[in-house]
Amino acid sequence: ELNVIVTISGLLDTKEEVSRLDEEEKLKERFALSNTFSDLEDVGHLKVKVIRAVGLSPEFIGKRNPFTVLQVRNSRVQTRPDQTVDPEWNKTFEFDIKDVSEVLEVAIFDDEGDNDDILLGRIQIPLLNIESGKERWYRLKDYNLR
């Protein structure tokens, strides 16, 4: 059973750096009630923190090099491969959302170098089902979507 833990937020909630605070203020202004009708195609902002994965089985030959791929519509980002069966990425990604009915796809692959990467598991999470700011484990389905 392959599980990944991620934190998903609708707006930035970090207070790590001054530049991050400036960014947060810009986002709050962008999505303020007074700007509701200024850009109807700009629905929101999604922040996803990929923390770690558990339940990866070891390879028979060589080592696992898992990495996570996040995708919303045509935007795709990924973590770096981690050479362990218990990877910890602690990596944050951000997406601009144009449609509230979009889906966040989280997939974990095994990096095979020059060969095709192997899908270890994935899940599709409708944005409407996301509870903002909560850290949560998701059970990924295998390549057969089981």
Protein backbone atom coordinates (compact mmCIF):
# COMPACT_ATOMS: atom_id res chain seq x y z
CA GLU A 1 0.00 0.00 0.00
CA LEU A 2 1.58 3.25 -1.20
CA ASN A 3 0.68 6.46 0.66
CA VAL A 4 1.80 10.05 0.26
CA ILE A 5 1.29 12.89 2.71
CA VAL A 6 0.61 16.35 1.31
CA THR A 7 -0.64 19.67 2.62
CA ILE A 8 -2.90 21.54 0.22
CA SER A 9 -3.92 25.16 0.75
CA GLY A 10 -6.18 27.50 -1.17
CA LEU A 11 -4.05 30.56 -0.35
CA LEU A 12 -0.55 31.03 0.95
CA ASP A 13 -0.43 30.61 4.72
CA THR A 14 3.32 30.63 5.27
CA LYS A 15 5.20 33.32 7.17
CA GLU A 16 8.72 32.10 6.42
CA GLU A 17 10.23 35.19 4.78
CA VAL A 18 9.42 38.84 4.13
CA SER A 19 9.25 38.16 0.39
CA ARG A 20 6.70 35.43 1.10
CA LEU A 21 4.62 37.92 3.09
CA ASP A 22 4.71 40.36 0.17
CA GLU A 23 3.58 37.54 -2.10
CA GLU A 24 0.77 36.69 0.31
CA GLU A 25 -0.41 40.30 0.39
CA LYS A 26 -0.45 40.40 -3.41
CA LEU A 27 -2.54 37.21 -3.51
CA LYS A 28 -4.98 38.53 -0.91
CA GLU A 29 -5.39 41.72 -2.93
CA ARG A 30 -5.78 39.72 -6.14
CA PHE A 31 -8.62 37.65 -4.66
CA ALA A 32 -10.21 40.38 -2.54
CA LEU A 33 -13.99 40.75 -2.71
CA SER A 34 -13.59 44.12 -4.42
CA ASN A 35 -11.81 42.41 -7.34
CA THR A 36 -14.40 39.67 -7.82
CA PHE A 37 -15.39 40.68 -11.33
CA SER A 38 -12.05 42.11 -12.51
CA ASP A 39 -10.82 38.81 -14.01
CA LEU A 40 -13.45 36.11 -14.21
CA GLU A 41 -10.94 33.53 -15.48
CA ASP A 42 -8.70 33.91 -12.41
CA VAL A 43 -10.46 31.66 -9.88
CA GLY A 44 -7.79 31.04 -7.25
CA HIS A 45 -4.36 29.94 -6.15
CA LEU A 46 -3.39 26.44 -5.03
CA LYS A 47 -0.39 25.64 -2.85
CA VAL A 48 0.64 21.98 -2.44
CA LYS A 49 3.39 20.76 -0.12
CA VAL A 50 4.59 17.23 -0.84
CA ILE A 51 5.99 15.96 2.46
CA ARG A 52 6.83 12.27 2.09
CA ALA A 53 5.72 8.84 0.91
CA VAL A 54 5.59 5.48 2.69
CA GLY A 55 4.94 1.95 1.52
CA LEU A 56 7.32 1.81 -1.42
CA SER A 57 8.57 -1.70 -2.02
CA PRO A 58 12.31 -2.11 -2.69
CA GLU A 59 13.50 -3.01 -6.18
CA PHE A 60 14.93 -6.45 -6.88
CA ILE A 61 17.90 -4.97 -8.71
CA GLY A 62 19.24 -1.51 -7.94
CA LYS A 63 17.59 1.12 -5.79
CA ARG A 64 14.31 2.98 -5.87
CA ASN A 65 14.61 6.59 -7.01
CA PRO A 66 11.06 7.86 -6.40
CA PHE A 67 9.88 11.31 -7.35
CA THR A 68 6.47 12.96 -7.22
CA VAL A 69 4.71 14.67 -10.12
CA LEU A 70 1.87 17.13 -9.50
CA GLN A 71 -0.38 18.24 -12.33
CA VAL A 72 -3.30 20.65 -12.60
CA ARG A 73 -4.63 21.02 -16.13
CA ASN A 74 -1.52 21.81 -18.25
CA SER A 75 0.74 22.79 -15.34
CA ARG A 76 3.13 20.03 -14.29
CA VAL A 77 5.84 20.13 -11.60
CA GLN A 78 7.93 17.45 -9.91
CA THR A 79 10.23 16.76 -6.98
CA ARG A 80 13.78 15.51 -7.38
CA PRO A 81 14.36 11.74 -7.20
CA ASP A 82 15.23 10.51 -3.70
CA GLN A 83 17.24 7.26 -3.45
CA THR A 84 15.22 5.57 -0.70
CA VAL A 85 12.01 3.61 -0.14
CA ASP A 86 11.00 6.21 2.50
CA PRO A 87 11.43 9.49 0.59
CA GLU A 88 11.00 12.88 2.27
CA TRP A 89 10.72 15.79 -0.13
CA ASN A 90 9.21 18.67 1.90
CA LYS A 91 8.76 20.60 -1.34
CA THR A 92 6.10 23.24 -1.97
CA PHE A 93 4.53 23.96 -5.36
CA GLU A 94 2.00 26.60 -6.42
CA PHE A 95 -0.59 26.68 -9.20
CA ASP A 96 -2.90 29.39 -10.53
CA ILE A 97 -6.40 27.97 -10.83
CA LYS A 98 -8.65 28.95 -13.74
CA ASP A 99 -11.53 26.53 -13.12
CA VAL A 100 -12.78 25.36 -9.73
CA SER A 101 -13.77 21.99 -11.22
CA GLU A 102 -10.14 21.12 -12.06
CA VAL A 103 -8.36 18.10 -10.62
CA LEU A 104 -4.99 17.83 -8.86
CA GLU A 105 -3.17 14.68 -9.93
CA VAL A 106 -0.46 13.35 -7.60
CA ALA A 107 1.72 10.58 -9.03
CA ILE A 108 4.87 8.86 -7.82
CA PHE A 109 7.33 7.42 -10.33
CA ASP A 110 10.56 5.46 -10.04
CA ASP A 111 13.34 7.24 -11.95
CA GLU A 112 14.97 4.70 -14.26
CA GLY A 113 17.64 7.00 -15.67
CA ASP A 114 17.69 6.79 -19.46
CA ASN A 115 14.78 4.34 -19.57
CA ASP A 116 11.10 5.17 -19.15
CA ASP A 117 10.11 6.00 -15.59
CA ILE A 118 7.88 3.48 -13.82
CA LEU A 119 4.55 4.61 -12.37
CA LEU A 120 4.35 3.45 -8.74
CA GLY A 121 1.02 5.03 -7.87
CA ARG A 122 -1.28 8.00 -8.41
CA ILE A 123 -4.44 9.70 -7.27
CA GLN A 124 -6.68 12.39 -8.70
CA ILE A 125 -8.12 14.86 -6.20
CA PRO A 126 -10.94 17.19 -7.32
CA LEU A 127 -10.16 20.72 -6.11
CA LEU A 128 -13.69 20.97 -4.70
CA ASN A 129 -12.86 18.10 -2.28
CA ILE A 130 -9.77 19.75 -0.80
CA GLU A 131 -9.84 21.03 2.79
CA SER A 132 -7.53 24.03 2.82
CA GLY A 133 -4.41 23.88 4.97
CA LYS A 134 -4.86 20.35 6.29
CA GLU A 135 -2.02 17.86 6.16
CA ARG A 136 -3.46 14.59 4.92
CA TRP A 137 -2.36 11.11 3.83
CA TYR A 138 -3.61 9.92 0.45
CA ARG A 139 -3.53 6.28 -0.61
CA LEU A 140 -2.30 6.08 -4.18
CA LYS A 141 -3.66 3.63 -6.70
CA ASP A 142 -1.29 1.43 -8.68
CA TYR A 143 -0.85 1.51 -12.47
CA ASN A 144 -4.09 -0.50 -12.84
CA LEU A 145 -5.87 2.17 -10.74
CA ARG A 146 -6.60 -0.34 -7.97
